[in-house]
Amino acid sequence: MAGSIAHSDRAARLRAVRAFLDVLAGALDFAVSIEPNLPAPASPPEQIPVCRWWEQALGAARGPLVAPLAALGAWLSWTQNPNYRRRPPHPAFLDNYGYAVIAGPEDGPPALARAPGVALGVLLLGPHTHYPLHAHPAAEVYVTLTPDGEWWRDEGPWRREPPGTAIHHAPGVVHATRAGDAPLLAVYVWRGDLATHARLERS
């Protein structure tokens, strides 16, 4: 019985991941392939302080990605960039920042599915949280889900982008994000150098 329950849960997780990726492919005009054999899920999935904003962020989010993302919520395992854990940009940051990987490489953070050459998931920031200037060697695309966040790239200025906007960051480009009165939720996709974590641009 336990084996059949585990198999059923894994099949449901695979269907949910594929449903999310199908919608994401429509938003980005490229598809992500995942391996059919899913990794064992984190048990229980890791929760961190920023998760207290998850339900409010989903409630504020808009667009076709919201429902398939919400369907994955119970399986998501949340984490943080180890560079930020060692040196947070400000005292409240680690209580209001985190991300969860939906599909990624085997040697990355816990993911719901394995995907060669790509890492994608969801970023969550608490209200009024400033994710300061940072850069990484991976190419990145964000798809915004919540309406009142602001985004900075290169020399700026800050831009408020509506839900569903694809925001592209080339390798090495400095960029920043800040939440408004509500939590910020965005899907991210990394390609290229997936092993090197982002580093803050300190003045």
N, C-alpha and C. Protein backbone atom coordinates (compact mmCIF):
# COMPACT_ATOMS: atom_id res chain seq x y z
N MET A 1 0.83 -1.21 0.00
CA MET A 1 0.00 0.00 0.00
C MET A 1 0.86 1.25 0.00
N ALA A 2 1.89 1.28 0.86
CA ALA A 2 2.75 2.46 0.92
C ALA A 2 3.41 2.72 -0.42
N GLY A 3 3.83 1.64 -1.11
CA GLY A 3 4.47 1.82 -2.41
C GLY A 3 3.53 2.42 -3.43
N SER A 4 2.25 1.98 -3.43
CA SER A 4 1.31 2.51 -4.41
C SER A 4 0.98 3.97 -4.12
N ILE A 5 0.93 4.35 -2.82
CA ILE A 5 0.70 5.75 -2.47
C ILE A 5 1.85 6.62 -2.95
N ALA A 6 3.09 6.15 -2.74
CA ALA A 6 4.26 6.90 -3.18
C ALA A 6 4.26 7.04 -4.70
N HIS A 7 3.92 5.97 -5.40
CA HIS A 7 3.87 6.03 -6.86
C HIS A 7 2.80 7.00 -7.33
N SER A 8 1.64 6.99 -6.67
CA SER A 8 0.57 7.90 -7.04
C SER A 8 0.99 9.35 -6.83
N ASP A 9 1.66 9.62 -5.70
CA ASP A 9 2.12 10.98 -5.42
C ASP A 9 3.15 11.42 -6.46
N ARG A 10 4.04 10.53 -6.83
CA ARG A 10 5.06 10.88 -7.83
C ARG A 10 4.41 11.14 -9.18
N ALA A 11 3.42 10.34 -9.55
CA ALA A 11 2.72 10.56 -10.82
C ALA A 11 1.99 11.89 -10.80
N ALA A 12 1.36 12.24 -9.67
CA ALA A 12 0.67 13.52 -9.56
C ALA A 12 1.66 14.67 -9.65
N ARG A 13 2.82 14.51 -9.03
CA ARG A 13 3.84 15.56 -9.08
C ARG A 13 4.34 15.75 -10.51
N LEU A 14 4.55 14.65 -11.23
CA LEU A 14 5.00 14.74 -12.62
C LEU A 14 3.96 15.45 -13.48
N ARG A 15 2.69 15.11 -13.30
CA ARG A 15 1.63 15.79 -14.06
C ARG A 15 1.59 17.27 -13.75
N ALA A 16 1.75 17.62 -12.47
CA ALA A 16 1.70 19.03 -12.07
C ALA A 16 2.89 19.81 -12.63
N VAL A 17 4.08 19.21 -12.59
CA VAL A 17 5.26 19.88 -13.14
C VAL A 17 5.09 20.08 -14.64
N ARG A 18 4.63 19.06 -15.34
CA ARG A 18 4.46 19.19 -16.79
C ARG A 18 3.40 20.22 -17.14
N ALA A 19 2.33 20.30 -16.36
CA ALA A 19 1.30 21.31 -16.61
C ALA A 19 1.88 22.71 -16.44
N PHE A 20 2.70 22.91 -15.40
CA PHE A 20 3.35 24.20 -15.20
C PHE A 20 4.29 24.54 -16.36
N LEU A 21 5.10 23.57 -16.78
CA LEU A 21 6.06 23.82 -17.86
C LEU A 21 5.37 24.10 -19.18
N ASP A 22 4.23 23.47 -19.41
CA ASP A 22 3.48 23.74 -20.65
C ASP A 22 3.04 25.20 -20.71
N VAL A 23 2.55 25.72 -19.59
CA VAL A 23 2.12 27.12 -19.56
C VAL A 23 3.33 28.04 -19.66
N LEU A 24 4.42 27.69 -18.98
CA LEU A 24 5.63 28.50 -19.04
C LEU A 24 6.18 28.58 -20.45
N ALA A 25 6.13 27.47 -21.18
CA ALA A 25 6.61 27.47 -22.56
C ALA A 25 5.85 28.47 -23.41
N GLY A 26 4.55 28.59 -23.16
CA GLY A 26 3.77 29.58 -23.90
C GLY A 26 4.16 31.00 -23.56
N ALA A 27 4.58 31.23 -22.30
CA ALA A 27 4.96 32.57 -21.88
C ALA A 27 6.33 32.97 -22.42
N LEU A 28 7.22 31.99 -22.61
CA LEU A 28 8.61 32.29 -22.98
C LEU A 28 8.97 31.89 -24.40
N ASP A 29 8.09 31.18 -25.09
CA ASP A 29 8.36 30.74 -26.46
C ASP A 29 9.52 29.75 -26.55
N PHE A 30 9.81 29.03 -25.47
CA PHE A 30 10.72 27.89 -25.56
C PHE A 30 10.30 26.87 -24.51
N ALA A 31 10.55 25.62 -24.83
CA ALA A 31 10.13 24.52 -23.97
C ALA A 31 11.29 24.02 -23.12
N VAL A 32 10.98 23.50 -21.95
CA VAL A 32 11.96 22.89 -21.06
C VAL A 32 11.66 21.41 -20.98
N SER A 33 12.66 20.59 -21.25
CA SER A 33 12.51 19.14 -21.17
C SER A 33 12.96 18.65 -19.80
N ILE A 34 12.18 17.76 -19.21
CA ILE A 34 12.54 17.19 -17.92
C ILE A 34 12.72 15.69 -18.08
N GLU A 35 13.52 15.13 -17.17
CA GLU A 35 13.73 13.69 -17.17
C GLU A 35 12.48 13.00 -16.63
N PRO A 36 12.11 11.84 -17.20
CA PRO A 36 10.87 11.19 -16.76
C PRO A 36 10.94 10.62 -15.35
N ASN A 37 12.15 10.29 -14.88
CA ASN A 37 12.28 9.73 -13.54
C ASN A 37 12.53 10.87 -12.56
N LEU A 38 11.52 11.17 -11.74
CA LEU A 38 11.63 12.29 -10.82
C LEU A 38 12.51 11.94 -9.63
N PRO A 39 13.25 12.93 -9.11
CA PRO A 39 14.00 12.69 -7.88
C PRO A 39 13.06 12.50 -6.71
N ALA A 40 13.55 11.86 -5.67
CA ALA A 40 12.74 11.73 -4.45
C ALA A 40 12.51 13.11 -3.87
N PRO A 41 11.28 13.43 -3.49
CA PRO A 41 11.02 14.76 -2.95
C PRO A 41 11.60 14.92 -1.56
N ALA A 42 11.91 16.18 -1.20
CA ALA A 42 12.31 16.46 0.17
C ALA A 42 11.16 16.09 1.10
N SER A 43 11.47 15.44 2.21
CA SER A 43 10.41 14.96 3.09
C SER A 43 10.73 15.33 4.54
N PRO A 44 10.00 16.29 5.11
CA PRO A 44 9.03 17.15 4.42
C PRO A 44 9.74 18.23 3.63
N PRO A 45 9.06 18.89 2.69
CA PRO A 45 9.71 19.98 1.96
C PRO A 45 10.20 21.07 2.92
N GLU A 46 11.34 21.65 2.59
CA GLU A 46 11.95 22.67 3.45
C GLU A 46 11.12 23.95 3.43
N GLN A 47 10.81 24.45 4.62
CA GLN A 47 10.12 25.72 4.77
C GLN A 47 11.05 26.72 5.45
N ILE A 48 11.03 27.97 5.00
CA ILE A 48 11.86 29.02 5.57
C ILE A 48 10.95 30.21 5.89
N PRO A 49 11.45 31.21 6.64
CA PRO A 49 10.55 32.27 7.10
C PRO A 49 9.74 32.97 6.02
N VAL A 50 10.30 33.17 4.83
CA VAL A 50 9.57 33.89 3.78
C VAL A 50 8.30 33.15 3.35
N CYS A 51 8.21 31.86 3.63
CA CYS A 51 7.03 31.08 3.22
C CYS A 51 5.74 31.60 3.85
N ARG A 52 5.86 32.40 4.90
CA ARG A 52 4.64 32.96 5.51
C ARG A 52 3.93 33.89 4.55
N TRP A 53 4.61 34.34 3.50
CA TRP A 53 4.01 35.24 2.51
C TRP A 53 3.48 34.51 1.29
N TRP A 54 3.61 33.20 1.23
CA TRP A 54 3.25 32.44 0.03
C TRP A 54 1.78 32.61 -0.35
N GLU A 55 0.89 32.39 0.58
CA GLU A 55 -0.54 32.45 0.25
C GLU A 55 -0.95 33.87 -0.15
N GLN A 56 -0.43 34.87 0.54
CA GLN A 56 -0.76 36.25 0.17
C GLN A 56 -0.22 36.58 -1.21
N ALA A 57 0.99 36.09 -1.51
CA ALA A 57 1.57 36.35 -2.84
C ALA A 57 0.74 35.69 -3.94
N LEU A 58 0.31 34.45 -3.71
CA LEU A 58 -0.54 33.79 -4.71
C LEU A 58 -1.85 34.55 -4.90
N GLY A 59 -2.39 35.08 -3.81
CA GLY A 59 -3.64 35.82 -3.92
C GLY A 59 -3.50 37.10 -4.73
N ALA A 60 -2.31 37.70 -4.69
CA ALA A 60 -2.07 38.93 -5.45
C ALA A 60 -1.61 38.66 -6.87
N ALA A 61 -1.15 37.45 -7.15
CA ALA A 61 -0.56 37.12 -8.45
C ALA A 61 -1.66 37.04 -9.52
N ARG A 62 -1.24 37.30 -10.75
CA ARG A 62 -2.16 37.29 -11.88
C ARG A 62 -1.51 36.56 -13.06
N GLY A 63 -2.36 35.97 -13.90
CA GLY A 63 -1.87 35.37 -15.13
C GLY A 63 -2.01 33.86 -15.15
N PRO A 64 -1.76 33.25 -16.31
CA PRO A 64 -1.99 31.81 -16.49
C PRO A 64 -1.03 30.92 -15.73
N LEU A 65 0.09 31.45 -15.24
CA LEU A 65 1.03 30.62 -14.49
C LEU A 65 0.61 30.40 -13.04
N VAL A 66 -0.32 31.21 -12.54
CA VAL A 66 -0.61 31.19 -11.11
C VAL A 66 -1.23 29.86 -10.68
N ALA A 67 -2.25 29.38 -11.39
CA ALA A 67 -2.91 28.14 -10.99
C ALA A 67 -1.96 26.93 -11.04
N PRO A 68 -1.19 26.72 -12.13
CA PRO A 68 -0.28 25.58 -12.11
C PRO A 68 0.84 25.72 -11.09
N LEU A 69 1.25 26.96 -10.78
CA LEU A 69 2.24 27.14 -9.72
C LEU A 69 1.64 26.81 -8.36
N ALA A 70 0.42 27.26 -8.10
CA ALA A 70 -0.22 26.95 -6.83
C ALA A 70 -0.37 25.45 -6.63
N ALA A 71 -0.60 24.71 -7.72
CA ALA A 71 -0.76 23.25 -7.63
C ALA A 71 0.54 22.57 -7.20
N LEU A 72 1.67 23.23 -7.39
CA LEU A 72 2.96 22.68 -6.99
C LEU A 72 3.34 23.04 -5.55
N GLY A 73 2.58 23.94 -4.93
CA GLY A 73 3.00 24.52 -3.67
C GLY A 73 3.33 23.53 -2.57
N ALA A 74 2.56 22.47 -2.44
CA ALA A 74 2.78 21.52 -1.34
C ALA A 74 4.10 20.76 -1.47
N TRP A 75 4.66 20.70 -2.69
CA TRP A 75 5.90 19.96 -2.91
C TRP A 75 7.14 20.85 -2.91
N LEU A 76 6.97 22.15 -2.96
CA LEU A 76 8.12 23.03 -3.11
C LEU A 76 8.99 23.01 -1.86
N SER A 77 10.31 22.93 -2.09
CA SER A 77 11.28 22.98 -1.00
C SER A 77 12.07 24.27 -1.14
N TRP A 78 12.03 25.12 -0.13
CA TRP A 78 12.55 26.48 -0.23
C TRP A 78 13.99 26.57 0.25
N THR A 79 14.74 27.46 -0.36
CA THR A 79 16.16 27.60 -0.04
C THR A 79 16.58 29.05 -0.23
N GLN A 80 17.87 29.31 0.00
CA GLN A 80 18.44 30.66 -0.16
C GLN A 80 19.85 30.55 -0.71
N ASN A 81 20.28 31.57 -1.39
CA ASN A 81 21.64 31.65 -1.92
C ASN A 81 22.62 31.60 -0.75
N PRO A 82 23.58 30.67 -0.74
CA PRO A 82 24.52 30.58 0.39
C PRO A 82 25.38 31.83 0.55
N ASN A 83 25.65 32.55 -0.55
CA ASN A 83 26.40 33.80 -0.43
C ASN A 83 25.65 34.82 0.41
N TYR A 84 24.31 34.84 0.28
CA TYR A 84 23.51 35.78 1.05
C TYR A 84 23.37 35.32 2.50
N ARG A 85 23.33 34.02 2.72
CA ARG A 85 23.25 33.53 4.09
C ARG A 85 24.51 33.92 4.86
N ARG A 86 25.66 33.86 4.18
CA ARG A 86 26.92 34.22 4.85
C ARG A 86 26.99 35.72 5.13
N ARG A 87 26.52 36.54 4.17
CA ARG A 87 26.61 38.00 4.32
C ARG A 87 25.30 38.62 3.83
N PRO A 88 24.28 38.63 4.66
CA PRO A 88 23.00 39.22 4.22
C PRO A 88 23.17 40.70 3.92
N PRO A 89 22.44 41.20 2.90
CA PRO A 89 22.56 42.62 2.58
C PRO A 89 21.98 43.54 3.63
N HIS A 90 21.00 43.07 4.41
CA HIS A 90 20.47 43.85 5.52
C HIS A 90 19.82 42.88 6.51
N PRO A 91 19.63 43.30 7.76
CA PRO A 91 19.24 42.35 8.82
C PRO A 91 17.96 41.57 8.55
N ALA A 92 16.96 42.18 7.91
CA ALA A 92 15.68 41.49 7.72
C ALA A 92 15.62 40.69 6.43
N PHE A 93 16.68 40.70 5.64
CA PHE A 93 16.60 40.12 4.29
C PHE A 93 16.28 38.63 4.33
N LEU A 94 16.99 37.86 5.13
CA LEU A 94 16.82 36.41 5.11
C LEU A 94 15.45 35.96 5.62
N ASP A 95 14.75 36.82 6.35
CA ASP A 95 13.39 36.50 6.78
C ASP A 95 12.37 36.79 5.69
N ASN A 96 12.79 37.43 4.62
CA ASN A 96 11.85 37.90 3.60
C ASN A 96 12.30 37.59 2.18
N TYR A 97 13.15 36.60 2.05
CA TYR A 97 13.67 36.21 0.73
C TYR A 97 13.82 34.70 0.68
N GLY A 98 13.51 34.13 -0.48
CA GLY A 98 13.76 32.71 -0.70
C GLY A 98 13.31 32.32 -2.09
N TYR A 99 13.76 31.15 -2.50
CA TYR A 99 13.33 30.62 -3.80
C TYR A 99 13.18 29.11 -3.70
N ALA A 100 12.39 28.57 -4.61
CA ALA A 100 12.18 27.13 -4.68
C ALA A 100 12.41 26.69 -6.12
N VAL A 101 13.11 25.58 -6.28
CA VAL A 101 13.45 25.08 -7.61
C VAL A 101 12.38 24.09 -8.06
N ILE A 102 11.84 24.32 -9.23
CA ILE A 102 10.86 23.40 -9.82
C ILE A 102 11.55 22.36 -10.68
N ALA A 103 12.49 22.79 -11.50
CA ALA A 103 13.27 21.86 -12.32
C ALA A 103 14.70 22.37 -12.41
N GLY A 104 15.65 21.46 -12.28
CA GLY A 104 17.04 21.88 -12.31
C GLY A 104 17.98 20.70 -12.38
N PRO A 105 19.29 20.98 -12.38
CA PRO A 105 20.28 19.91 -12.51
C PRO A 105 20.37 19.06 -11.24
N GLU A 106 20.93 17.89 -11.40
CA GLU A 106 21.01 16.94 -10.28
C GLU A 106 21.86 17.48 -9.14
N ASP A 107 22.89 18.29 -9.45
CA ASP A 107 23.79 18.77 -8.41
C ASP A 107 23.36 20.12 -7.83
N GLY A 108 22.15 20.57 -8.15
CA GLY A 108 21.65 21.83 -7.62
C GLY A 108 20.81 21.63 -6.37
N PRO A 109 20.14 22.68 -5.91
CA PRO A 109 19.23 22.56 -4.75
C PRO A 109 18.11 21.58 -5.06
N PRO A 110 17.42 21.08 -4.02
CA PRO A 110 16.33 20.13 -4.25
C PRO A 110 15.30 20.68 -5.24
N ALA A 111 14.98 19.86 -6.25
CA ALA A 111 14.05 20.25 -7.30
C ALA A 111 12.97 19.19 -7.44
N LEU A 112 11.82 19.60 -7.99
CA LEU A 112 10.75 18.65 -8.21
C LEU A 112 11.01 17.76 -9.42
N ALA A 113 11.84 18.24 -10.35
CA ALA A 113 12.16 17.47 -11.55
C ALA A 113 13.58 17.80 -11.98
N ARG A 114 14.20 16.89 -12.70
CA ARG A 114 15.54 17.09 -13.24
C ARG A 114 15.42 17.64 -14.66
N ALA A 115 16.21 18.67 -14.95
CA ALA A 115 16.20 19.28 -16.28
C ALA A 115 17.65 19.57 -16.67
N PRO A 116 18.14 18.96 -17.73
CA PRO A 116 19.53 19.22 -18.14
C PRO A 116 19.69 20.62 -18.71
N GLY A 117 20.69 21.35 -18.22
CA GLY A 117 21.04 22.63 -18.81
C GLY A 117 20.16 23.80 -18.45
N VAL A 118 19.28 23.64 -17.48
CA VAL A 118 18.39 24.73 -17.11
C VAL A 118 18.04 24.60 -15.63
N ALA A 119 17.81 25.73 -14.98
CA ALA A 119 17.29 25.75 -13.61
C ALA A 119 16.15 26.75 -13.58
N LEU A 120 15.00 26.33 -13.09
CA LEU A 120 13.87 27.24 -13.04
C LEU A 120 13.06 27.00 -11.78
N GLY A 121 12.45 28.07 -11.33
CA GLY A 121 11.68 27.97 -10.11
C GLY A 121 10.96 29.27 -9.84
N VAL A 122 10.77 29.57 -8.55
CA VAL A 122 9.98 30.74 -8.17
C VAL A 122 10.71 31.51 -7.08
N LEU A 123 10.73 32.83 -7.23
CA LEU A 123 11.31 33.75 -6.25
C LEU A 123 10.18 34.37 -5.45
N LEU A 124 10.37 34.48 -4.13
CA LEU A 124 9.39 35.09 -3.24
C LEU A 124 10.09 36.11 -2.35
N LEU A 125 9.58 37.34 -2.34
CA LEU A 125 10.07 38.40 -1.46
C LEU A 125 8.91 38.91 -0.61
N GLY A 126 9.18 39.18 0.66
CA GLY A 126 8.17 39.77 1.52
C GLY A 126 7.93 41.23 1.17
N PRO A 127 6.83 41.81 1.65
CA PRO A 127 6.52 43.21 1.35
C PRO A 127 7.68 44.14 1.72
N HIS A 128 7.91 45.11 0.83
CA HIS A 128 8.92 46.17 1.02
C HIS A 128 10.34 45.61 1.14
N THR A 129 10.56 44.41 0.63
CA THR A 129 11.91 43.84 0.66
C THR A 129 12.69 44.27 -0.56
N HIS A 130 13.90 44.75 -0.33
CA HIS A 130 14.80 45.18 -1.40
C HIS A 130 15.84 44.09 -1.62
N TYR A 131 15.82 43.49 -2.81
CA TYR A 131 16.84 42.52 -3.22
C TYR A 131 17.85 43.33 -4.03
N PRO A 132 18.97 43.71 -3.41
CA PRO A 132 19.83 44.72 -4.01
C PRO A 132 20.61 44.22 -5.23
N LEU A 133 21.37 45.15 -5.81
CA LEU A 133 22.10 44.85 -7.04
C LEU A 133 22.95 43.59 -6.88
N HIS A 134 22.83 42.70 -7.85
CA HIS A 134 23.57 41.45 -7.86
C HIS A 134 23.79 41.03 -9.31
N ALA A 135 24.66 40.06 -9.50
CA ALA A 135 24.96 39.57 -10.85
C ALA A 135 25.38 38.12 -10.76
N HIS A 136 25.29 37.43 -11.90
CA HIS A 136 25.67 36.02 -11.98
C HIS A 136 26.01 35.70 -13.43
N PRO A 137 26.80 34.65 -13.66
CA PRO A 137 27.19 34.30 -15.03
C PRO A 137 26.10 33.62 -15.84
N ALA A 138 25.04 33.14 -15.21
CA ALA A 138 23.94 32.52 -15.96
C ALA A 138 23.09 33.59 -16.63
N ALA A 139 22.57 33.27 -17.81
CA ALA A 139 21.52 34.10 -18.42
C ALA A 139 20.22 33.83 -17.69
N GLU A 140 19.42 34.86 -17.50
CA GLU A 140 18.24 34.75 -16.66
C GLU A 140 17.04 35.42 -17.32
N VAL A 141 15.88 34.81 -17.12
CA VAL A 141 14.61 35.43 -17.47
C VAL A 141 13.70 35.32 -16.26
N TYR A 142 13.11 36.44 -15.87
CA TYR A 142 12.04 36.43 -14.89
C TYR A 142 10.72 36.61 -15.60
N VAL A 143 9.68 35.95 -15.11
CA VAL A 143 8.31 36.23 -15.53
C VAL A 143 7.58 36.73 -14.29
N THR A 144 7.16 37.98 -14.33
CA THR A 144 6.51 38.59 -13.17
C THR A 144 5.12 38.00 -12.96
N LEU A 145 4.74 37.84 -11.69
CA LEU A 145 3.40 37.33 -11.36
C LEU A 145 2.59 38.31 -10.53
N THR A 146 3.26 39.15 -9.74
CA THR A 146 2.55 40.11 -8.89
C THR A 146 2.73 41.51 -9.47
N PRO A 147 1.77 42.42 -9.21
CA PRO A 147 1.71 43.66 -9.97
C PRO A 147 2.54 44.83 -9.47
N ASP A 148 2.95 44.86 -8.20
CA ASP A 148 3.53 46.11 -7.70
C ASP A 148 5.02 46.05 -7.40
N GLY A 149 5.71 44.99 -7.84
CA GLY A 149 7.16 44.94 -7.68
C GLY A 149 7.86 45.84 -8.69
N GLU A 150 9.10 46.19 -8.38
CA GLU A 150 9.90 47.03 -9.27
C GLU A 150 11.21 46.34 -9.60
N TRP A 151 11.74 46.65 -10.78
CA TRP A 151 12.90 45.95 -11.33
C TRP A 151 13.91 46.96 -11.85
N TRP A 152 15.18 46.68 -11.59
CA TRP A 152 16.29 47.54 -12.01
C TRP A 152 17.28 46.70 -12.82
N ARG A 153 17.81 47.28 -13.89
CA ARG A 153 18.83 46.61 -14.70
C ARG A 153 19.84 47.63 -15.17
N ASP A 154 21.13 47.25 -15.14
CA ASP A 154 22.23 48.13 -15.57
C ASP A 154 22.20 49.45 -14.79
N GLU A 155 22.01 50.54 -15.52
CA GLU A 155 22.01 51.87 -14.90
C GLU A 155 20.62 52.34 -14.48
N GLY A 156 19.62 51.47 -14.58
CA GLY A 156 18.28 51.83 -14.17
C GLY A 156 17.53 52.56 -15.26
N PRO A 157 16.38 53.15 -14.93
CA PRO A 157 15.82 53.35 -13.59
C PRO A 157 14.98 52.17 -13.14
N TRP A 158 14.37 52.31 -11.96
CA TRP A 158 13.41 51.32 -11.52
C TRP A 158 12.21 51.30 -12.46
N ARG A 159 11.72 50.07 -12.75
CA ARG A 159 10.56 49.91 -13.62
C ARG A 159 9.54 49.02 -12.93
N ARG A 160 8.29 49.42 -12.99
CA ARG A 160 7.20 48.56 -12.50
C ARG A 160 6.62 47.83 -13.70
N GLU A 161 6.70 46.50 -13.66
CA GLU A 161 6.27 45.69 -14.80
C GLU A 161 4.98 44.94 -14.45
N PRO A 162 4.03 44.88 -15.36
CA PRO A 162 2.77 44.16 -15.07
C PRO A 162 2.98 42.66 -15.04
N PRO A 163 2.09 41.93 -14.39
CA PRO A 163 2.19 40.46 -14.39
C PRO A 163 2.24 39.91 -15.81
N GLY A 164 3.11 38.90 -15.99
CA GLY A 164 3.27 38.28 -17.29
C GLY A 164 4.42 38.84 -18.10
N THR A 165 5.08 39.89 -17.60
CA THR A 165 6.22 40.47 -18.32
C THR A 165 7.43 39.56 -18.19
N ALA A 166 8.13 39.34 -19.30
CA ALA A 166 9.40 38.60 -19.29
C ALA A 166 10.54 39.61 -19.20
N ILE A 167 11.36 39.49 -18.17
CA ILE A 167 12.48 40.39 -17.92
C ILE A 167 13.77 39.62 -18.14
N HIS A 168 14.58 40.05 -19.09
CA HIS A 168 15.79 39.32 -19.48
C HIS A 168 17.03 39.97 -18.85
N HIS A 169 17.91 39.12 -18.30
CA HIS A 169 19.19 39.57 -17.79
C HIS A 169 20.29 38.74 -18.46
N ALA A 170 21.13 39.40 -19.23
CA ALA A 170 22.25 38.71 -19.86
C ALA A 170 23.28 38.33 -18.80
N PRO A 171 24.17 37.38 -19.08
CA PRO A 171 25.20 37.01 -18.11
C PRO A 171 26.01 38.21 -17.64
N GLY A 172 26.17 38.32 -16.33
CA GLY A 172 26.98 39.37 -15.75
C GLY A 172 26.32 40.72 -15.60
N VAL A 173 25.10 40.88 -16.05
CA VAL A 173 24.41 42.17 -15.95
C VAL A 173 23.91 42.36 -14.51
N VAL A 174 24.20 43.52 -13.92
CA VAL A 174 23.73 43.78 -12.57
C VAL A 174 22.25 44.15 -12.62
N HIS A 175 21.52 43.68 -11.62
CA HIS A 175 20.08 43.93 -11.57
C HIS A 175 19.61 43.82 -10.12
N ALA A 176 18.43 44.35 -9.87
CA ALA A 176 17.87 44.37 -8.52
C ALA A 176 16.36 44.30 -8.61
N THR A 177 15.73 43.98 -7.48
CA THR A 177 14.28 43.84 -7.40
C THR A 177 13.82 44.36 -6.05
N ARG A 178 12.64 44.97 -6.01
CA ARG A 178 12.09 45.33 -4.71
C ARG A 178 10.58 45.15 -4.73
N ALA A 179 10.07 44.66 -3.62
CA ALA A 179 8.63 44.44 -3.48
C ALA A 179 7.96 45.72 -3.00
N GLY A 180 6.69 45.86 -3.35
CA GLY A 180 5.90 46.99 -2.87
C GLY A 180 5.17 46.64 -1.59
N ASP A 181 3.91 47.07 -1.49
CA ASP A 181 3.13 46.81 -0.28
C ASP A 181 2.77 45.34 -0.11
N ALA A 182 2.76 44.60 -1.20
CA ALA A 182 2.43 43.17 -1.17
C ALA A 182 3.70 42.35 -1.45
N PRO A 183 3.68 41.06 -1.14
CA PRO A 183 4.83 40.22 -1.50
C PRO A 183 5.03 40.20 -3.01
N LEU A 184 6.26 39.94 -3.40
CA LEU A 184 6.62 39.80 -4.82
C LEU A 184 6.81 38.34 -5.14
N LEU A 185 6.23 37.90 -6.25
CA LEU A 185 6.34 36.53 -6.72
C LEU A 185 6.70 36.57 -8.19
N ALA A 186 7.71 35.81 -8.58
CA ALA A 186 8.14 35.77 -9.98
C ALA A 186 8.74 34.41 -10.27
N VAL A 187 8.52 33.92 -11.47
CA VAL A 187 9.16 32.70 -11.96
C VAL A 187 10.50 33.10 -12.58
N TYR A 188 11.53 32.30 -12.33
CA TYR A 188 12.84 32.56 -12.94
C TYR A 188 13.27 31.36 -13.77
N VAL A 189 14.07 31.63 -14.78
CA VAL A 189 14.70 30.58 -15.59
C VAL A 189 16.16 30.96 -15.78
N TRP A 190 17.06 30.06 -15.42
CA TRP A 190 18.50 30.24 -15.63
C TRP A 190 18.97 29.26 -16.70
N ARG A 191 19.87 29.75 -17.57
CA ARG A 191 20.55 28.88 -18.53
C ARG A 191 22.01 29.30 -18.60
N GLY A 192 22.87 28.34 -18.93
CA GLY A 192 24.31 28.62 -18.98
C GLY A 192 24.99 28.07 -17.74
N ASP A 193 25.76 28.91 -17.05
CA ASP A 193 26.48 28.51 -15.84
C ASP A 193 25.50 28.43 -14.68
N LEU A 194 25.07 27.22 -14.36
CA LEU A 194 24.09 27.03 -13.30
C LEU A 194 24.73 26.80 -11.93
N ALA A 195 26.05 26.56 -11.92
CA ALA A 195 26.72 26.18 -10.68
C ALA A 195 27.16 27.39 -9.85
N THR A 196 27.29 28.56 -10.47
CA THR A 196 27.82 29.73 -9.78
C THR A 196 26.68 30.59 -9.27
N HIS A 197 26.61 30.76 -7.95
CA HIS A 197 25.55 31.55 -7.34
C HIS A 197 25.76 33.04 -7.61
N ALA A 198 24.66 33.77 -7.57
CA ALA A 198 24.73 35.22 -7.69
C ALA A 198 25.53 35.80 -6.51
N ARG A 199 26.16 36.93 -6.79
CA ARG A 199 26.88 37.69 -5.74
C ARG A 199 26.38 39.12 -5.74
N LEU A 200 26.24 39.67 -4.56
CA LEU A 200 25.81 41.05 -4.42
C LEU A 200 26.91 41.99 -4.91
N GLU A 201 26.49 43.09 -5.52
CA GLU A 201 27.40 44.15 -5.93
C GLU A 201 27.51 45.14 -4.79
N ARG A 202 28.54 44.99 -3.99
CA ARG A 202 28.68 45.83 -2.80
C ARG A 202 29.45 47.10 -3.15
N SER A 203 28.96 48.23 -2.63
CA SER A 203 29.61 49.51 -2.89
C SER A 203 30.81 49.68 -1.98
